[in-house]
PDB file of N, CA and C in Angstrom:
ATOM      1  N   MET A   1      33.107 -24.965   8.111  1.00  0.00           N
ATOM      2  CA  MET A   1      32.311 -25.891   8.119  1.00  0.00           C
ATOM      3  C   MET A   1      31.902 -26.670   6.825  1.00  0.00           C
ATOM      4  N   PRO A   2      31.731 -28.059   6.785  1.00  0.00           N
ATOM      5  CA  PRO A   2      31.503 -28.874   6.250  1.00  0.00           C
ATOM      6  C   PRO A   2      30.455 -28.399   5.459  1.00  0.00           C
ATOM      7  N   PRO A   3      30.089 -28.786   4.137  1.00  0.00           N
ATOM      8  CA  PRO A   3      29.279 -28.502   2.788  1.00  0.00           C
ATOM      9  C   PRO A   3      27.854 -28.766   3.605  1.00  0.00           C
ATOM     10  N   ASP A   4      27.701 -29.894   4.114  1.00  0.00           N
ATOM     11  CA  ASP A   4      26.180 -30.234   4.484  1.00  0.00           C
ATOM     12  C   ASP A   4      25.574 -29.090   5.490  1.00  0.00           C
ATOM     13  N   ASN A   5      26.561 -28.684   6.408  1.00  0.00           N
ATOM     14  CA  ASN A   5      26.107 -27.392   7.333  1.00  0.00           C
ATOM     15  C   ASN A   5      25.516 -26.307   6.071  1.00  0.00           C
ATOM     16  N   LEU A   6      26.687 -25.889   5.539  1.00  0.00           N
ATOM     17  CA  LEU A   6      25.874 -25.010   4.841  1.00  0.00           C
ATOM     18  C   LEU A   6      24.713 -24.655   3.933  1.00  0.00           C
ATOM     19  N   GLU A   7      24.727 -25.769   3.294  1.00  0.00           N
ATOM     20  CA  GLU A   7      23.134 -25.918   2.781  1.00  0.00           C
ATOM     21  C   GLU A   7      22.084 -26.167   3.743  1.00  0.00           C
ATOM     22  N   GLY A   8      22.248 -26.487   4.848  1.00  0.00           N
ATOM     23  CA  GLY A   8      21.843 -26.434   5.914  1.00  0.00           C
ATOM     24  C   GLY A   8      21.141 -25.028   6.669  1.00  0.00           C
ATOM     25  N   LEU A   9      22.288 -24.041   6.321  1.00  0.00           N
ATOM     26  CA  LEU A   9      22.221 -22.902   6.915  1.00  0.00           C
ATOM     27  C   LEU A   9      21.349 -22.120   5.548  1.00  0.00           C
ATOM     28  N   ALA A  10      21.738 -22.240   4.398  1.00  0.00           N
ATOM     29  CA  ALA A  10      21.002 -22.153   3.456  1.00  0.00           C
ATOM     30  C   ALA A  10      19.264 -22.106   3.247  1.00  0.00           C
ATOM     31  N   MET A  11      19.041 -23.298   3.616  1.00  0.00           N
ATOM     32  CA  MET A  11      17.773 -23.519   3.582  1.00  0.00           C
ATOM     33  C   MET A  11      17.156 -22.986   4.718  1.00  0.00           C
ATOM     34  N   ASN A  12      17.611 -22.928   5.995  1.00  0.00           N
ATOM     35  CA  ASN A  12      16.963 -22.308   6.870  1.00  0.00           C
ATOM     36  C   ASN A  12      16.716 -20.817   6.718  1.00  0.00           C
ATOM     37  N   ARG A  13      17.636 -20.310   6.393  1.00  0.00           N
ATOM     38  CA  ARG A  13      17.534 -18.595   5.713  1.00  0.00           C
ATOM     39  C   ARG A  13      16.461 -18.765   4.801  1.00  0.00           C
ATOM     40  N   HIS A  14      16.192 -19.593   3.984  1.00  0.00           N
ATOM     41  CA  HIS A  14      14.908 -19.330   2.816  1.00  0.00           C
ATOM     42  C   HIS A  14      13.682 -19.763   3.649  1.00  0.00           C
ATOM     43  N   SER A  15      13.733 -20.377   4.812  1.00  0.00           N
ATOM     44  CA  SER A  15      12.718 -20.755   5.349  1.00  0.00           C
ATOM     45  C   SER A  15      12.111 -19.570   6.208  1.00  0.00           C
ATOM     46  N   LEU A  16      13.441 -19.125   6.887  1.00  0.00           N
ATOM     47  CA  LEU A  16      12.840 -17.991   7.566  1.00  0.00           C
ATOM     48  C   LEU A  16      12.088 -17.009   6.865  1.00  0.00           C
ATOM     49  N   ARG A  17      12.611 -16.444   5.562  1.00  0.00           N
ATOM     50  CA  ARG A  17      12.106 -15.468   4.616  1.00  0.00           C
ATOM     51  C   ARG A  17      10.661 -16.017   4.295  1.00  0.00           C
ATOM     52  N   ARG A  18      10.656 -17.100   3.869  1.00  0.00           N
ATOM     53  CA  ARG A  18       9.255 -17.386   3.583  1.00  0.00           C
ATOM     54  C   ARG A  18       8.467 -17.386   4.675  1.00  0.00           C
ATOM     55  N   GLN A  19       8.411 -17.688   6.128  1.00  0.00           N
ATOM     56  CA  GLN A  19       7.690 -17.938   7.220  1.00  0.00           C
ATOM     57  C   GLN A  19       7.484 -16.040   7.578  1.00  0.00           C
ATOM     58  N   ALA A  20       8.469 -15.248   7.450  1.00  0.00           N
ATOM     59  CA  ALA A  20       8.102 -13.902   7.523  1.00  0.00           C
ATOM     60  C   ALA A  20       7.406 -13.419   6.345  1.00  0.00           C
ATOM     61  N   LEU A  21       7.314 -13.391   5.296  1.00  0.00           N
ATOM     62  CA  LEU A  21       6.423 -13.369   3.829  1.00  0.00           C
ATOM     63  C   LEU A  21       5.022 -13.677   4.100  1.00  0.00           C
ATOM     64  N   VAL A  22       4.929 -15.238   4.720  1.00  0.00           N
ATOM     65  CA  VAL A  22       3.480 -15.271   5.127  1.00  0.00           C
ATOM     66  C   VAL A  22       2.535 -14.609   6.527  1.00  0.00           C
ATOM     67  N   LEU A  23       3.728 -14.393   7.443  1.00  0.00           N
ATOM     68  CA  LEU A  23       3.189 -13.769   8.235  1.00  0.00           C
ATOM     69  C   LEU A  23       2.648 -12.367   7.796  1.00  0.00           C
ATOM     70  N   VAL A  24       3.563 -11.459   7.030  1.00  0.00           N
ATOM     71  CA  VAL A  24       2.918 -10.585   6.874  1.00  0.00           C
ATOM     72  C   VAL A  24       1.755 -10.626   5.891  1.00  0.00           C
ATOM     73  N   ALA A  25       1.808 -11.527   4.852  1.00  0.00           N
ATOM     74  CA  ALA A  25       0.721 -11.891   4.001  1.00  0.00           C
ATOM     75  C   ALA A  25      -0.297 -11.962   5.005  1.00  0.00           C
ATOM     76  N   VAL A  26      -0.570 -12.787   5.945  1.00  0.00           N
ATOM     77  CA  VAL A  26      -1.649 -12.796   6.800  1.00  0.00           C
ATOM     78  C   VAL A  26      -2.042 -12.191   7.589  1.00  0.00           C
ATOM     79  N   CYS A  27      -0.962 -11.185   7.770  1.00  0.00           N
ATOM     80  CA  CYS A  27      -1.591  -9.767   8.898  1.00  0.00           C
ATOM     81  C   CYS A  27      -2.266  -8.646   7.976  1.00  0.00           C
ATOM     82  N   VAL A  28      -1.755  -8.728   6.794  1.00  0.00           N
ATOM     83  CA  VAL A  28      -2.821  -7.537   5.785  1.00  0.00           C
ATOM     84  C   VAL A  28      -3.515  -8.747   5.058  1.00  0.00           C
ATOM     85  N   LEU A  29      -3.903  -9.517   5.320  1.00  0.00           N
ATOM     86  CA  LEU A  29      -5.079 -10.384   4.381  1.00  0.00           C
ATOM     87  C   LEU A  29      -6.233 -10.536   5.322  1.00  0.00           C
ATOM     88  N   LEU A  30      -5.817 -10.483   6.564  1.00  0.00           N
ATOM     89  CA  LEU A  30      -7.067 -11.040   7.939  1.00  0.00           C
ATOM     90  C   LEU A  30      -8.055 -10.186   8.052  1.00  0.00           C
ATOM     91  N   PRO A  31      -9.147 -10.275   8.021  1.00  0.00           N
ATOM     92  CA  PRO A  31      -9.979  -9.214   8.552  1.00  0.00           C
ATOM     93  C   PRO A  31     -10.094  -8.852   9.662  1.00  0.00           C
ATOM     94  N   LEU A  32     -10.395  -7.554  10.072  1.00  0.00           N
ATOM     95  CA  LEU A  32     -10.269  -6.837  11.403  1.00  0.00           C
ATOM     96  C   LEU A  32     -11.825  -7.461  11.828  1.00  0.00           C
ATOM     97  N   PRO A  33     -11.589  -7.832  13.368  1.00  0.00           N
ATOM     98  CA  PRO A  33     -12.645  -8.532  14.200  1.00  0.00           C
ATOM     99  C   PRO A  33     -14.052  -7.059  14.085  1.00  0.00           C
ATOM    100  N   VAL A  34     -14.854  -7.959  14.349  1.00  0.00           N
ATOM    101  CA  VAL A  34     -16.196  -6.647  14.093  1.00  0.00           C
ATOM    102  C   VAL A  34     -16.642  -6.864  15.407  1.00  0.00           C
ATOM    103  N   HIS A  35     -16.735  -5.771  16.565  1.00  0.00           N
ATOM    104  CA  HIS A  35     -16.886  -5.252  17.595  1.00  0.00           C
ATOM    105  C   HIS A  35     -18.403  -5.407  17.519  1.00  0.00           C
ATOM    106  N   ALA A  36     -18.851  -6.331  18.810  1.00  0.00           N
ATOM    107  CA  ALA A  36     -20.353  -6.429  18.835  1.00  0.00           C
ATOM    108  C   ALA A  36     -20.927  -5.579  20.265  1.00  0.00           C
ATOM    109  N   GLY A  37     -20.069  -4.507  21.074  1.00  0.00           N
ATOM    110  CA  GLY A  37     -20.385  -4.317  21.973  1.00  0.00           C
ATOM    111  C   GLY A  37     -20.297  -2.562  21.471  1.00  0.00           C
ATOM    112  N   HIS A  38     -20.933  -1.989  22.588  1.00  0.00           N
ATOM    113  CA  HIS A  38     -21.663  -0.238  22.348  1.00  0.00           C
ATOM    114  C   HIS A  38     -20.715   0.566  22.916  1.00  0.00           C
ATOM    115  N   ASP A  39     -19.465   0.051  23.074  1.00  0.00           N
ATOM    116  CA  ASP A  39     -18.561   0.756  23.315  1.00  0.00           C
ATOM    117  C   ASP A  39     -18.036   1.833  22.446  1.00  0.00           C
ATOM    118  N   ASP A  40     -17.797   3.043  22.402  1.00  0.00           N
ATOM    119  CA  ASP A  40     -17.751   4.244  21.331  1.00  0.00           C
ATOM    120  C   ASP A  40     -16.000   4.309  21.352  1.00  0.00           C
ATOM    121  N   ALA A  41     -15.533   4.204  23.131  1.00  0.00           N
ATOM    122  CA  ALA A  41     -13.927   4.290  22.864  1.00  0.00           C
ATOM    123  C   ALA A  41     -13.159   3.244  22.621  1.00  0.00           C
ATOM    124  N   PRO A  42     -12.858   3.399  21.296  1.00  0.00           N
ATOM    125  CA  PRO A  42     -11.702   1.890  20.953  1.00  0.00           C
ATOM    126  C   PRO A  42     -10.286   2.073  21.902  1.00  0.00           C
ATOM    127  N   SER A  43     -10.744   0.686  21.931  1.00  0.00           N
ATOM    128  CA  SER A  43      -9.449   0.100  23.167  1.00  0.00           C
ATOM    129  C   SER A  43      -8.066   0.330  22.098  1.00  0.00           C
ATOM    130  N   LEU A  44      -6.783   0.220  22.862  1.00  0.00           N
ATOM    131  CA  LEU A  44      -5.464   0.646  22.914  1.00  0.00           C
ATOM    132  C   LEU A  44      -5.151  -0.533  21.667  1.00  0.00           C
ATOM    133  N   LEU A  45      -5.529  -1.677  22.050  1.00  0.00           N
ATOM    134  CA  LEU A  45      -5.369  -3.135  20.933  1.00  0.00           C
ATOM    135  C   LEU A  45      -5.891  -2.436  19.906  1.00  0.00           C
ATOM    136  N   SER A  46      -7.213  -2.022  19.760  1.00  0.00           N
ATOM    137  CA  SER A  46      -7.613  -2.345  18.646  1.00  0.00           C
ATOM    138  C   SER A  46      -7.004  -1.230  17.598  1.00  0.00           C
ATOM    139  N   GLU A  47      -6.731   0.139  18.317  1.00  0.00           N
ATOM    140  CA  GLU A  47      -6.093   0.821  17.463  1.00  0.00           C
ATOM    141  C   GLU A  47      -4.612   0.608  16.951  1.00  0.00           C
ATOM    142  N   GLY A  48      -4.246  -0.077  18.163  1.00  0.00           N
ATOM    143  CA  GLY A  48      -2.740  -0.414  17.431  1.00  0.00           C
ATOM    144  C   GLY A  48      -2.902  -1.734  16.244  1.00  0.00           C
ATOM    145  N   GLY A  49      -4.092  -2.364  16.271  1.00  0.00           N
ATOM    146  CA  GLY A  49      -3.990  -3.054  15.342  1.00  0.00           C
ATOM    147  C   GLY A  49      -4.257  -2.753  14.245  1.00  0.00           C
ATOM    148  N   SER A  50      -5.382  -1.517  14.352  1.00  0.00           N
ATOM    149  CA  SER A  50      -5.493  -0.629  12.671  1.00  0.00           C
ATOM    150  C   SER A  50      -4.337   0.194  12.650  1.00  0.00           C
ATOM    151  N   GLY A  51      -3.555   0.600  13.046  1.00  0.00           N
ATOM    152  CA  GLY A  51      -2.654   1.235  12.994  1.00  0.00           C
ATOM    153  C   GLY A  51      -1.593   0.528  12.301  1.00  0.00           C
ATOM    154  N   THR A  52      -1.389  -0.632  12.758  1.00  0.00           N
ATOM    155  CA  THR A  52      -0.186  -1.705  12.045  1.00  0.00           C
ATOM    156  C   THR A  52      -0.635  -2.483  11.045  1.00  0.00           C
ATOM    157  N   GLY A  53      -2.366  -2.773  10.937  1.00  0.00           N
ATOM    158  CA  GLY A  53      -2.706  -2.755   9.656  1.00  0.00           C
ATOM    159  C   GLY A  53      -2.472  -2.010   8.495  1.00  0.00           C
ATOM    160  N   ALA A  54      -2.754  -0.482   8.525  1.00  0.00           N
ATOM    161  CA  ALA A  54      -2.788   0.533   7.785  1.00  0.00           C
ATOM    162  C   ALA A  54      -1.339   0.504   7.321  1.00  0.00           C
ATOM    163  N   ALA A  55      -0.175   0.522   8.169  1.00  0.00           N
ATOM    164  CA  ALA A  55       1.257   0.417   7.899  1.00  0.00           C
ATOM    165  C   ALA A  55       1.441  -0.535   6.812  1.00  0.00           C
ATOM    166  N   LEU A  56       1.250  -1.978   7.270  1.00  0.00           N
ATOM    167  CA  LEU A  56       1.733  -3.134   6.252  1.00  0.00           C
ATOM    168  C   LEU A  56       0.655  -2.789   5.236  1.00  0.00           C
ATOM    169  N   ALA A  57      -0.263  -2.409   5.189  1.00  0.00           N
ATOM    170  CA  ALA A  57      -0.910  -2.107   3.853  1.00  0.00           C
ATOM    171  C   ALA A  57      -0.447  -0.995   3.008  1.00  0.00           C
ATOM    172  N   SER A  58       0.020   0.178   3.735  1.00  0.00           N
ATOM    173  CA  SER A  58       0.673   0.955   2.884  1.00  0.00           C
ATOM    174  C   SER A  58       2.009   0.871   2.471  1.00  0.00           C
ATOM    175  N   LEU A  59       2.945  -0.471   2.959  1.00  0.00           N
ATOM    176  CA  LEU A  59       3.944  -0.729   2.311  1.00  0.00           C
ATOM    177  C   LEU A  59       3.732  -1.686   0.821  1.00  0.00           C
ATOM    178  N   VAL A  60       2.921  -1.918   0.498  1.00  0.00           N
ATOM    179  CA  VAL A  60       2.388  -2.258  -0.889  1.00  0.00           C
ATOM    180  C   VAL A  60       1.586  -1.719  -1.205  1.00  0.00           C
ATOM    181  N   TYR A  61       0.803  -0.913  -0.769  1.00  0.00           N
ATOM    182  CA  TYR A  61       0.058   0.321  -1.782  1.00  0.00           C
ATOM    183  C   TYR A  61       0.742   1.487  -2.283  1.00  0.00           C
ATOM    184  N   ALA A  62       1.899   1.967  -1.135  1.00  0.00           N
ATOM    185  CA  ALA A  62       2.617   3.111  -1.639  1.00  0.00           C
ATOM    186  C   ALA A  62       3.313   2.874  -2.735  1.00  0.00           C
ATOM    187  N   PRO A  63       4.202   1.956  -3.160  1.00  0.00           N
ATOM    188  CA  PRO A  63       4.997   1.737  -4.112  1.00  0.00           C
ATOM    189  C   PRO A  63       4.198   1.620  -5.516  1.00  0.00           C
ATOM    190  N   LEU A  64       2.964   1.158  -5.177  1.00  0.00           N
ATOM    191  CA  LEU A  64       2.184   0.891  -6.662  1.00  0.00           C
ATOM    192  C   LEU A  64       1.393   2.490  -6.998  1.00  0.00           C
ATOM    193  N   LYS A  65       1.127   3.204  -5.866  1.00  0.00           N
ATOM    194  CA  LYS A  65       0.874   4.474  -6.262  1.00  0.00           C
ATOM    195  C   LYS A  65       1.626   4.839  -6.784  1.00  0.00           C
ATOM    196  N   LEU A  66       3.040   5.005  -6.409  1.00  0.00           N
ATOM    197  CA  LEU A  66       4.404   5.954  -6.851  1.00  0.00           C
ATOM    198  C   LEU A  66       4.575   5.845  -8.428  1.00  0.00           C
ATOM    199  N   ALA A  67       4.485   4.301  -8.595  1.00  0.00           N
ATOM    200  CA  ALA A  67       4.545   3.888 -10.027  1.00  0.00           C
ATOM    201  C   ALA A  67       3.494   4.130 -11.021  1.00  0.00           C
ATOM    202  N   TYR A  68       2.316   4.377 -10.482  1.00  0.00           N
ATOM    203  CA  TYR A  68       1.384   5.123 -10.954  1.00  0.00           C
ATOM    204  C   TYR A  68       1.255   6.445 -11.585  1.00  0.00           C
ATOM    205  N   ALA A  69       1.948   7.153 -10.527  1.00  0.00           N
ATOM    206  CA  ALA A  69       1.925   8.367 -10.643  1.00  0.00           C
ATOM    207  C   ALA A  69       2.937   8.964 -11.257  1.00  0.00           C
ATOM    208  N   ALA A  70       4.131   8.076 -11.543  1.00  0.00           N
ATOM    209  CA  ALA A  70       5.251   8.351 -12.139  1.00  0.00           C
ATOM    210  C   ALA A  70       4.904   8.163 -13.965  1.00  0.00           C
ATOM    211  N   GLY A  71       4.070   6.834 -13.923  1.00  0.00           N
ATOM    212  CA  GLY A  71       3.767   6.405 -15.377  1.00  0.00           C
ATOM    213  C   GLY A  71       2.858   7.727 -15.756  1.00  0.00           C
ATOM    214  N   GLY A  72       1.644   8.361 -14.793  1.00  0.00           N
ATOM    215  CA  GLY A  72       1.127   9.664 -15.139  1.00  0.00           C
ATOM    216  C   GLY A  72       1.797  10.643 -15.258  1.00  0.00           C
ATOM    217  N   LEU A  73       2.614  10.802 -14.784  1.00  0.00           N
ATOM    218  CA  LEU A  73       3.188  11.798 -15.362  1.00  0.00           C
ATOM    219  C   LEU A  73       4.323  11.791 -16.546  1.00  0.00           C
ATOM    220  N   VAL A  74       4.820  10.797 -16.783  1.00  0.00           N
ATOM    221  CA  VAL A  74       5.332  10.618 -17.823  1.00  0.00           C
ATOM    222  C   VAL A  74       4.671  10.756 -19.322  1.00  0.00           C
ATOM    223  N   ILE A  75       3.189  10.195 -19.018  1.00  0.00           N
ATOM    224  CA  ILE A  75       2.197  10.095 -20.174  1.00  0.00           C
ATOM    225  C   ILE A  75       1.744  11.891 -20.177  1.00  0.00           C
ATOM    226  N   ALA A  76       1.662  12.396 -19.527  1.00  0.00           N
ATOM    227  CA  ALA A  76       0.940  13.741 -19.344  1.00  0.00           C
ATOM    228  C   ALA A  76       2.365  14.564 -19.796  1.00  0.00           C
ATOM    229  N   GLY A  77       3.783  14.809 -19.574  1.00  0.00           N
ATOM    230  CA  GLY A  77       4.525  15.264 -20.405  1.00  0.00           C
ATOM    231  C   GLY A  77       4.898  15.238 -21.968  1.00  0.00           C
ATOM    232  N   ILE A  78       4.371  13.791 -22.371  1.00  0.00           N
ATOM    233  CA  ILE A  78       4.574  13.132 -23.923  1.00  0.00           C
ATOM    234  C   ILE A  78       3.526  14.046 -24.032  1.00  0.00           C
ATOM    235  N   THR A  79       2.048  13.742 -23.728  1.00  0.00           N
ATOM    236  CA  THR A  79       0.969  14.561 -24.270  1.00  0.00           C
ATOM    237  C   THR A  79       1.103  16.350 -24.274  1.00  0.00           C
ATOM    238  N   TRP A  80       1.656  16.578 -22.914  1.00  0.00           N
ATOM    239  CA  TRP A  80       1.816  18.016 -23.146  1.00  0.00           C
ATOM    240  C   TRP A  80       2.985  18.413 -24.535  1.00  0.00           C
ATOM    241  N   ALA A  81       3.677  17.727 -24.705  1.00  0.00           N
ATOM    242  CA  ALA A  81       4.797  18.158 -25.689  1.00  0.00           C
ATOM    243  C   ALA A  81       4.145  17.786 -27.068  1.00  0.00           C
ATOM    244  N   TRP A  82       3.340  16.682 -27.240  1.00  0.00           N
ATOM    245  CA  TRP A  82       2.609  16.237 -28.323  1.00  0.00           C
ATOM    246  C   TRP A  82       1.529  17.267 -29.067  1.00  0.00           C
ATOM    247  N   THR A  83       1.152  17.997 -27.716  1.00  0.00           N
ATOM    248  CA  THR A  83      -0.018  18.711 -28.309  1.00  0.00           C
ATOM    249  C   THR A  83       0.544  20.569 -28.388  1.00  0.00           C
ATOM    250  N   ALA A  84       1.734  20.451 -28.362  1.00  0.00           N
ATOM    251  CA  ALA A  84       2.574  21.621 -28.108  1.00  0.00           C
ATOM    252  C   ALA A  84       1.834  22.502 -27.041  1.00  0.00           C
ATOM    253  N   GLY A  85       1.993  22.048 -26.157  1.00  0.00           N
ATOM    254  CA  GLY A  85       1.775  22.733 -24.587  1.00  0.00           C
ATOM    255  C   GLY A  85       0.371  22.715 -24.084  1.00  0.00           C
ATOM    256  N   ASP A  86      -0.820  22.023 -24.612  1.00  0.00           N
ATOM    257  CA  ASP A  86      -1.769  22.445 -24.688  1.00  0.00           C
ATOM    258  C   ASP A  86      -2.076  21.620 -23.045  1.00  0.00           C
ATOM    259  N   THR A  87      -2.355  22.559 -22.135  1.00  0.00           N
ATOM    260  CA  THR A  87      -2.695  21.940 -20.548  1.00  0.00           C
ATOM    261  C   THR A  87      -4.050  21.199 -20.788  1.00  0.00           C
ATOM    262  N   ASN A  88      -5.009  21.673 -21.672  1.00  0.00           N
ATOM    263  CA  ASN A  88      -6.488  21.017 -21.377  1.00  0.00           C
ATOM    264  C   ASN A  88      -6.120  19.785 -21.702  1.00  0.00           C
ATOM    265  N   VAL A  89      -5.234  19.252 -22.286  1.00  0.00           N
ATOM    266  CA  VAL A  89      -5.223  17.989 -22.688  1.00  0.00           C
ATOM    267  C   VAL A  89      -4.506  16.869 -21.988  1.00  0.00           C
ATOM    268  N   SER A  90      -3.228  17.719 -21.167  1.00  0.00           N
ATOM    269  CA  SER A  90      -2.253  17.220 -20.092  1.00  0.00           C
ATOM    270  C   SER A  90      -2.562  17.266 -18.915  1.00  0.00           C
ATOM    271  N   GLY A  91      -3.773  18.348 -18.514  1.00  0.00           N
ATOM    272  CA  GLY A  91      -3.790  18.520 -17.315  1.00  0.00           C
ATOM    273  C   GLY A  91      -4.633  17.384 -16.730  1.00  0.00           C
ATOM    274  N   PRO A  92      -5.615  17.112 -17.236  1.00  0.00           N
ATOM    275  CA  PRO A  92      -6.528  16.030 -16.625  1.00  0.00           C
ATOM    276  C   PRO A  92      -5.839  14.511 -16.279  1.00  0.00           C
ATOM    277  N   ILE A  93      -4.798  14.454 -17.142  1.00  0.00           N
ATOM    278  CA  ILE A  93      -4.261  13.210 -16.903  1.00  0.00           C
ATOM    279  C   ILE A  93      -3.035  13.495 -15.741  1.00  0.00           C
ATOM    280  N   TYR A  94      -2.315  14.596 -15.753  1.00  0.00           N
ATOM    281  CA  TYR A  94      -1.681  14.910 -14.836  1.00  0.00           C
ATOM    282  C   TYR A  94      -2.462  14.555 -13.237  1.00  0.00           C
ATOM    283  N   ARG A  95      -3.470  15.541 -13.151  1.00  0.00           N
ATOM    284  CA  ARG A  95      -4.474  15.457 -12.118  1.00  0.00           C
ATOM    285  C   ARG A  95      -4.821  14.206 -11.552  1.00  0.00           C
ATOM    286  N   SER A  96      -5.290  13.461 -12.300  1.00  0.00           N
ATOM    287  CA  SER A  96      -6.032  12.050 -11.984  1.00  0.00           C
ATOM    288  C   SER A  96      -4.527  11.063 -11.846  1.00  0.00           C
ATOM    289  N   SER A  97      -3.422  10.905 -12.217  1.00  0.00           N
ATOM    290  CA  SER A  97      -2.608  10.112 -12.131  1.00  0.00           C
ATOM    291  C   SER A  97      -1.559  10.692 -10.380  1.00  0.00           C
ATOM    292  N   VAL A  98      -1.485  12.118 -10.301  1.00  0.00           N
ATOM    293  CA  VAL A  98      -0.655  12.733  -9.250  1.00  0.00           C
ATOM    294  C   VAL A  98      -1.640  12.654  -8.053  1.00  0.00           C
ATOM    295  N   GLY A  99      -2.759  12.919  -7.957  1.00  0.00           N
ATOM    296  CA  GLY A  99      -3.574  13.333  -7.014  1.00  0.00           C
ATOM    297  C   GLY A  99      -4.202  11.657  -6.646  1.00  0.00           C
ATOM    298  N   GLY A 100      -5.273  11.796  -5.362  1.00  0.00           N
ATOM    299  CA  GLY A 100      -5.415  10.834  -4.787  1.00  0.00           C
ATOM    300  C   GLY A 100      -4.132  10.423  -3.228  1.00  0.00           C
ATOM    301  N   ASP A 101      -4.698   9.420  -2.617  1.00  0.00           N
ATOM    302  CA  ASP A 101      -4.367   8.759  -1.367  1.00  0.00           C
ATOM    303  C   ASP A 101      -2.658   7.946  -1.922  1.00  0.00           C
ATOM    304  N   TYR A 102      -1.852   8.528  -1.168  1.00  0.00           N
ATOM    305  CA  TYR A 102      -0.459   7.803  -1.236  1.00  0.00           C
ATOM    306  C   TYR A 102      -0.196   6.871   0.156  1.00  0.00           C
ATOM    307  N   VAL A 103      -1.094   6.910   0.843  1.00  0.00           N
ATOM    308  CA  VAL A 103      -0.721   6.015   2.014  1.00  0.00           C
ATOM    309  C   VAL A 103      -2.163   5.443   2.792  1.00  0.00           C
ATOM    310  N   ILE A 104      -2.489   4.456   3.059  1.00  0.00           N
ATOM    311  CA  ILE A 104      -3.370   3.898   3.756  1.00  0.00           C
ATOM    312  C   ILE A 104      -3.436   4.293   5.226  1.00  0.00           C
ATOM    313  N   THR A 105      -4.620   5.041   5.791  1.00  0.00           N
ATOM    314  CA  THR A 105      -4.590   5.232   7.185  1.00  0.00           C
ATOM    315  C   THR A 105      -5.801   4.501   7.895  1.00  0.00           C
ATOM    316  N   PRO A 106      -5.746   4.170   9.296  1.00  0.00           N
ATOM    317  CA  PRO A 106      -6.350   3.349   9.616  1.00  0.00           C
ATOM    318  C   PRO A 106      -8.002   3.801   9.794  1.00  0.00           C
ATOM    319  N   ASP A 107      -8.383   4.643   9.305  1.00  0.00           N
ATOM    320  CA  ASP A 107      -9.891   4.933   8.892  1.00  0.00           C
ATOM    321  C   ASP A 107     -10.401   4.827   7.732  1.00  0.00           C
ATOM    322  N   GLN A 108      -9.490   4.761   6.892  1.00  0.00           N
ATOM    323  CA  GLN A 108      -9.609   4.200   5.676  1.00  0.00           C
ATOM    324  C   GLN A 108      -9.755   2.420   5.350  1.00  0.00           C
ATOM    325  N   LEU A 109      -8.916   2.310   6.128  1.00  0.00           N
ATOM    326  CA  LEU A 109      -8.685   0.398   6.208  1.00  0.00           C
ATOM    327  C   LEU A 109     -10.091  -0.101   7.055  1.00  0.00           C
ATOM    328  N   LEU A 110     -10.823   0.846   8.144  1.00  0.00           N
ATOM    329  CA  LEU A 110     -11.892   0.410   8.276  1.00  0.00           C
ATOM    330  C   LEU A 110     -13.176   1.091   7.913  1.00  0.00           C
ATOM    331  N   ARG A 111     -12.700   1.560   6.635  1.00  0.00           N
ATOM    332  CA  ARG A 111     -13.569   1.915   5.480  1.00  0.00           C
ATOM    333  C   ARG A 111     -14.665   3.093   6.540  1.00  0.00           C
ATOM    334  N   GLU A 112     -14.215   3.955   7.301  1.00  0.00           N
ATOM    335  CA  GLU A 112     -14.886   4.893   7.646  1.00  0.00           C
ATOM    336  C   GLU A 112     -14.707   6.241   6.968  1.00  0.00           C
ATOM    337  N   GLU A 113     -13.546   6.238   5.778  1.00  0.00           N
ATOM    338  CA  GLU A 113     -13.256   7.362   5.069  1.00  0.00           C
ATOM    339  C   GLU A 113     -12.629   6.341   3.872  1.00  0.00           C
ATOM    340  N   PRO A 114     -12.824   7.223   2.778  1.00  0.00           N
ATOM    341  CA  PRO A 114     -12.709   6.769   1.389  1.00  0.00           C
ATOM    342  C   PRO A 114     -11.368   6.610   1.085  1.00  0.00           C
ATOM    343  N   LEU A 115     -11.102   5.690   0.124  1.00  0.00           N
ATOM    344  CA  LEU A 115      -9.764   5.724  -0.341  1.00  0.00           C
ATOM    345  C   LEU A 115      -9.560   5.931  -1.760  1.00  0.00           C
ATOM    346  N   SER A 116      -8.689   7.024  -2.188  1.00  0.00           N
ATOM    347  CA  SER A 116      -8.687   7.618  -3.253  1.00  0.00           C
ATOM    348  C   SER A 116      -7.821   6.945  -3.974  1.00  0.00           C
ATOM    349  N   PHE A 117      -7.086   6.233  -4.925  1.00  0.00           N
ATOM    350  CA  PHE A 117      -6.647   5.642  -5.524  1.00  0.00           C
ATOM    351  C   PHE A 117      -5.815   7.154  -7.020  1.00  0.00           C
ATOM    352  N   ALA A 118      -6.796   7.427  -7.626  1.00  0.00           N
ATOM    353  CA  ALA A 118      -6.418   8.412  -8.737  1.00  0.00           C
ATOM    354  C   ALA A 118      -7.399   9.605  -8.258  1.00  0.00           C
ATOM    355  N   GLY A 119      -6.578  10.622  -8.459  1.00  0.00           N
ATOM    356  CA  GLY A 119      -7.157  12.199  -8.125  1.00  0.00           C
ATOM    357  C   GLY A 119      -8.129  12.341  -9.208  1.00  0.00           C
ATOM    358  N   GLN A 120      -8.619  13.693  -8.599  1.00  0.00           N
ATOM    359  CA  GLN A 120     -10.026  14.454  -9.623  1.00  0.00           C
ATOM    360  C   GLN A 120      -9.466  15.109 -10.767  1.00  0.00           C
TER     361      GLN A 120
END
């Protein structure tokens, strides 16, 4: 291949990545439509959209939650060692960092159920 084609191929690959990232961002950031009807039975399209939105949101949320939990475990371990094994001090740190939701469900996305980042 001539060098011009290689540059074009690399630019095309970057363009496709950028388009994919924009598509994911739009899907995650767009609000869900409000239903004006009185139909209590959700449609397959709305359930599929809620599930897809929850899955995409979980792709961003879950790694952040795991990093928060891992950091809390480290801090709780250091606190436990520093206080000579006093779980009254390290226990609340551990529970608040490890507890909570690790994925976002469609009900949480529709605000029918609360999302808990930190445990209690």
